[in-house]
Amino acid sequence: MEIKLVYLSDLKFNLKVWKKELKFHREELEKFEKKLEDIASRNLGIDAMAPLEGFQNKIIREKEVIGRMLQKIRMKRKIIETTDMSEELDGRLRNQQTSLKDDMKMYIKLHYELKEDLMDYFLRWL
């Protein structure tokens, strides 16, 4: 049971960190949206507007992904909170954690690729 408590504590910590990171990224995306709006208001022509629309679509999509990831984290926390401490630690929790961990790795990779592309765009048009 002690091993299970430590393991569940570690899972809770991971979930807390991921939740904070996702919320930070959501706030960051809102700042990027405002910068894109600034560029759009300048009427810089098709060279600026074509990629801008693509970035806006990617930001919308990423916000949707963040929402789904936060929902997965909430569901995972509920599972942890309702875990029967008398049961043996089974592979179910580990498998779900691994899946969420892989999802976070992929999300973070894609987020930073988008961020890098946005920063290059901002350097050109701001």
C-alpha atoms as a PDB file:
ATOM      1  CA  MET A   1       0.000   0.000   0.000  1.00  0.00           C
ATOM      2  CA  GLU A   2       2.876   2.389   0.733  1.00  0.00           C
ATOM      3  CA  ILE A   3       4.269   1.874  -2.763  1.00  0.00           C
ATOM      4  CA  LYS A   4       0.847   2.630  -4.176  1.00  0.00           C
ATOM      5  CA  LEU A   5       0.613   5.882  -2.190  1.00  0.00           C
ATOM      6  CA  VAL A   6       4.005   7.021  -3.476  1.00  0.00           C
ATOM      7  CA  TYR A   7       3.091   6.088  -7.036  1.00  0.00           C
ATOM      8  CA  LEU A   8      -0.244   7.928  -6.864  1.00  0.00           C
ATOM      9  CA  SER A   9       1.478  10.941  -5.355  1.00  0.00           C
ATOM     10  CA  ASP A  10       3.898  10.986  -8.283  1.00  0.00           C
ATOM     11  CA  LEU A  11       1.000  10.755 -10.734  1.00  0.00           C
ATOM     12  CA  LYS A  12      -0.772  13.657  -9.041  1.00  0.00           C
ATOM     13  CA  PHE A  13       2.398  15.726  -9.258  1.00  0.00           C
ATOM     14  CA  ASN A  14       2.743  15.019 -12.997  1.00  0.00           C
ATOM     15  CA  LEU A  15      -0.887  15.926 -13.593  1.00  0.00           C
ATOM     16  CA  LYS A  16      -0.508  19.173 -11.670  1.00  0.00           C
ATOM     17  CA  VAL A  17       2.591  20.171 -13.663  1.00  0.00           C
ATOM     18  CA  TRP A  18       0.952  19.303 -16.985  1.00  0.00           C
ATOM     19  CA  LYS A  19      -2.178  21.240 -16.095  1.00  0.00           C
ATOM     20  CA  LYS A  20      -0.157  24.362 -15.258  1.00  0.00           C
ATOM     21  CA  GLU A  21       1.856  24.009 -18.447  1.00  0.00           C
ATOM     22  CA  LEU A  22      -1.264  23.683 -20.589  1.00  0.00           C
ATOM     23  CA  LYS A  23      -2.829  26.742 -18.973  1.00  0.00           C
ATOM     24  CA  PHE A  24       0.370  28.707 -19.576  1.00  0.00           C
ATOM     25  CA  HIS A  25       0.350  27.688 -23.233  1.00  0.00           C
ATOM     26  CA  ARG A  26      -3.295  28.710 -23.575  1.00  0.00           C
ATOM     27  CA  GLU A  27      -2.442  32.182 -22.202  1.00  0.00           C
ATOM     28  CA  GLU A  28       0.540  32.364 -24.524  1.00  0.00           C
ATOM     29  CA  LEU A  29      -1.675  31.536 -27.498  1.00  0.00           C
ATOM     30  CA  GLU A  30      -4.026  34.369 -26.540  1.00  0.00           C
ATOM     31  CA  LYS A  31      -1.073  36.779 -26.639  1.00  0.00           C
ATOM     32  CA  PHE A  32      -0.082  35.438 -30.045  1.00  0.00           C
ATOM     33  CA  GLU A  33      -3.647  35.966 -31.279  1.00  0.00           C
ATOM     34  CA  LYS A  34      -3.486  39.617 -30.235  1.00  0.00           C
ATOM     35  CA  LYS A  35      -0.223  40.093 -32.112  1.00  0.00           C
ATOM     36  CA  LEU A  36      -1.770  38.490 -35.187  1.00  0.00           C
ATOM     37  CA  GLU A  37      -4.725  40.887 -34.884  1.00  0.00           C
ATOM     38  CA  ASP A  38      -2.258  43.800 -34.768  1.00  0.00           C
ATOM     39  CA  ILE A  39      -0.662  42.603 -37.978  1.00  0.00           C
ATOM     40  CA  ALA A  40      -4.050  42.047 -39.636  1.00  0.00           C
ATOM     41  CA  SER A  41      -5.135  45.599 -38.809  1.00  0.00           C
ATOM     42  CA  ARG A  42      -2.127  47.019 -40.692  1.00  0.00           C
ATOM     43  CA  ASN A  43      -3.348  45.768 -44.075  1.00  0.00           C
ATOM     44  CA  LEU A  44       0.098  44.560 -45.118  1.00  0.00           C
ATOM     45  CA  GLY A  45      -1.124  42.635 -48.138  1.00  0.00           C
ATOM     46  CA  ILE A  46      -1.436  39.015 -49.192  1.00  0.00           C
ATOM     47  CA  ASP A  47       2.151  38.137 -48.229  1.00  0.00           C
ATOM     48  CA  ALA A  48       1.335  38.850 -44.593  1.00  0.00           C
ATOM     49  CA  MET A  49      -2.291  37.715 -44.585  1.00  0.00           C
ATOM     50  CA  ALA A  50      -1.973  34.224 -46.069  1.00  0.00           C
ATOM     51  CA  PRO A  51       0.274  32.843 -43.322  1.00  0.00           C
ATOM     52  CA  LEU A  52      -1.647  34.857 -40.718  1.00  0.00           C
ATOM     53  CA  GLU A  53      -4.863  32.974 -41.468  1.00  0.00           C
ATOM     54  CA  GLY A  54      -2.989  29.688 -41.249  1.00  0.00           C
ATOM     55  CA  PHE A  55      -1.607  30.655 -37.843  1.00  0.00           C
ATOM     56  CA  GLN A  56      -5.053  31.664 -36.623  1.00  0.00           C
ATOM     57  CA  ASN A  57      -6.417  28.258 -37.635  1.00  0.00           C
ATOM     58  CA  LYS A  58      -3.536  26.462 -35.913  1.00  0.00           C
ATOM     59  CA  ILE A  59      -4.110  28.460 -32.732  1.00  0.00           C
ATOM     60  CA  ILE A  60      -7.810  27.569 -32.738  1.00  0.00           C
ATOM     61  CA  ARG A  61      -6.909  23.909 -33.217  1.00  0.00           C
ATOM     62  CA  GLU A  62      -4.280  24.006 -30.479  1.00  0.00           C
ATOM     63  CA  LYS A  63      -6.749  25.552 -28.019  1.00  0.00           C
ATOM     64  CA  GLU A  64      -9.110  22.661 -28.754  1.00  0.00           C
ATOM     65  CA  VAL A  65      -6.298  20.194 -28.063  1.00  0.00           C
ATOM     66  CA  ILE A  66      -5.496  21.973 -24.794  1.00  0.00           C
ATOM     67  CA  GLY A  67      -9.146  21.656 -23.774  1.00  0.00           C
ATOM     68  CA  ARG A  68      -9.121  17.917 -24.486  1.00  0.00           C
ATOM     69  CA  MET A  69      -5.842  17.437 -22.633  1.00  0.00           C
ATOM     70  CA  LEU A  70      -7.159  19.315 -19.586  1.00  0.00           C
ATOM     71  CA  GLN A  71     -10.250  17.097 -19.681  1.00  0.00           C
ATOM     72  CA  LYS A  72      -8.048  13.980 -19.729  1.00  0.00           C
ATOM     73  CA  ILE A  73      -6.139  15.332 -16.740  1.00  0.00           C
ATOM     74  CA  ARG A  74      -9.387  15.968 -14.835  1.00  0.00           C
ATOM     75  CA  MET A  75     -10.585  12.448 -15.593  1.00  0.00           C
ATOM     76  CA  LYS A  76      -7.255  10.987 -14.527  1.00  0.00           C
ATOM     77  CA  ARG A  77      -7.358  12.904 -11.221  1.00  0.00           C
ATOM     78  CA  LYS A  78     -10.848  11.526 -10.542  1.00  0.00           C
ATOM     79  CA  ILE A  79      -9.580   8.004 -11.134  1.00  0.00           C
ATOM     80  CA  ILE A  80      -6.664   8.580  -8.771  1.00  0.00           C
ATOM     81  CA  GLU A  81      -8.886  10.100  -6.094  1.00  0.00           C
ATOM     82  CA  THR A  82     -11.292   7.171  -6.208  1.00  0.00           C
ATOM     83  CA  THR A  83      -8.639   4.449  -6.289  1.00  0.00           C
ATOM     84  CA  ASP A  84      -9.150   1.738  -3.720  1.00  0.00           C
ATOM     85  CA  MET A  85      -5.994   1.733  -1.620  1.00  0.00           C
ATOM     86  CA  SER A  86      -6.507  -1.887  -0.615  1.00  0.00           C
ATOM     87  CA  GLU A  87      -6.238  -3.086  -4.210  1.00  0.00           C
ATOM     88  CA  GLU A  88      -2.885  -4.005  -5.651  1.00  0.00           C
ATOM     89  CA  LEU A  89      -1.276  -1.541  -8.030  1.00  0.00           C
ATOM     90  CA  ASP A  90      -2.231  -2.784 -11.458  1.00  0.00           C
ATOM     91  CA  GLY A  91      -1.077  -1.866 -14.926  1.00  0.00           C
ATOM     92  CA  ARG A  92      -4.238   0.101 -15.694  1.00  0.00           C
ATOM     93  CA  LEU A  93      -3.070   3.292 -13.998  1.00  0.00           C
ATOM     94  CA  ARG A  94       0.408   2.986 -15.456  1.00  0.00           C
ATOM     95  CA  ASN A  95      -0.941   2.433 -18.973  1.00  0.00           C
ATOM     96  CA  GLN A  96      -3.227   5.441 -18.721  1.00  0.00           C
ATOM     97  CA  GLN A  97      -0.374   7.555 -17.358  1.00  0.00           C
ATOM     98  CA  THR A  98       1.940   6.470 -20.174  1.00  0.00           C
ATOM     99  CA  SER A  99      -0.684   7.382 -22.751  1.00  0.00           C
ATOM    100  CA  LEU A 100      -1.172  10.819 -21.203  1.00  0.00           C
ATOM    101  CA  LYS A 101       2.588  11.292 -20.951  1.00  0.00           C
ATOM    102  CA  ASP A 102       2.989  10.455 -24.649  1.00  0.00           C
ATOM    103  CA  ASP A 103       0.147  12.837 -25.527  1.00  0.00           C
ATOM    104  CA  MET A 104       1.849  15.612 -23.565  1.00  0.00           C
ATOM    105  CA  LYS A 105       5.200  14.953 -25.249  1.00  0.00           C
ATOM    106  CA  MET A 106       3.608  15.176 -28.673  1.00  0.00           C
ATOM    107  CA  TYR A 107       1.579  18.253 -27.765  1.00  0.00           C
ATOM    108  CA  ILE A 108       4.639  20.080 -26.380  1.00  0.00           C
ATOM    109  CA  LYS A 109       6.676  19.241 -29.481  1.00  0.00           C
ATOM    110  CA  LEU A 110       3.960  20.587 -31.778  1.00  0.00           C
ATOM    111  CA  HIS A 111       3.381  23.658 -29.594  1.00  0.00           C
ATOM    112  CA  TYR A 112       7.008  24.690 -29.751  1.00  0.00           C
ATOM    113  CA  GLU A 113       7.150  24.119 -33.509  1.00  0.00           C
ATOM    114  CA  LEU A 114       4.165  26.450 -33.897  1.00  0.00           C
ATOM    115  CA  LYS A 115       5.707  28.956 -31.510  1.00  0.00           C
ATOM    116  CA  GLU A 116       8.966  28.986 -33.466  1.00  0.00           C
ATOM    117  CA  ASP A 117       7.098  29.539 -36.733  1.00  0.00           C
ATOM    118  CA  LEU A 118       5.060  32.331 -35.154  1.00  0.00           C
ATOM    119  CA  MET A 119       8.150  34.050 -33.793  1.00  0.00           C
ATOM    120  CA  ASP A 120       9.758  33.967 -37.248  1.00  0.00           C
ATOM    121  CA  TYR A 121       6.568  35.448 -38.697  1.00  0.00           C
ATOM    122  CA  PHE A 122       6.460  38.171 -36.031  1.00  0.00           C
ATOM    123  CA  LEU A 123      10.075  39.090 -36.726  1.00  0.00           C
ATOM    124  CA  ARG A 124       9.176  39.642 -40.346  1.00  0.00           C
ATOM    125  CA  TRP A 125       5.903  41.547 -39.927  1.00  0.00           C
ATOM    126  CA  LEU A 126       6.039  43.410 -36.624  1.00  0.00           C
END
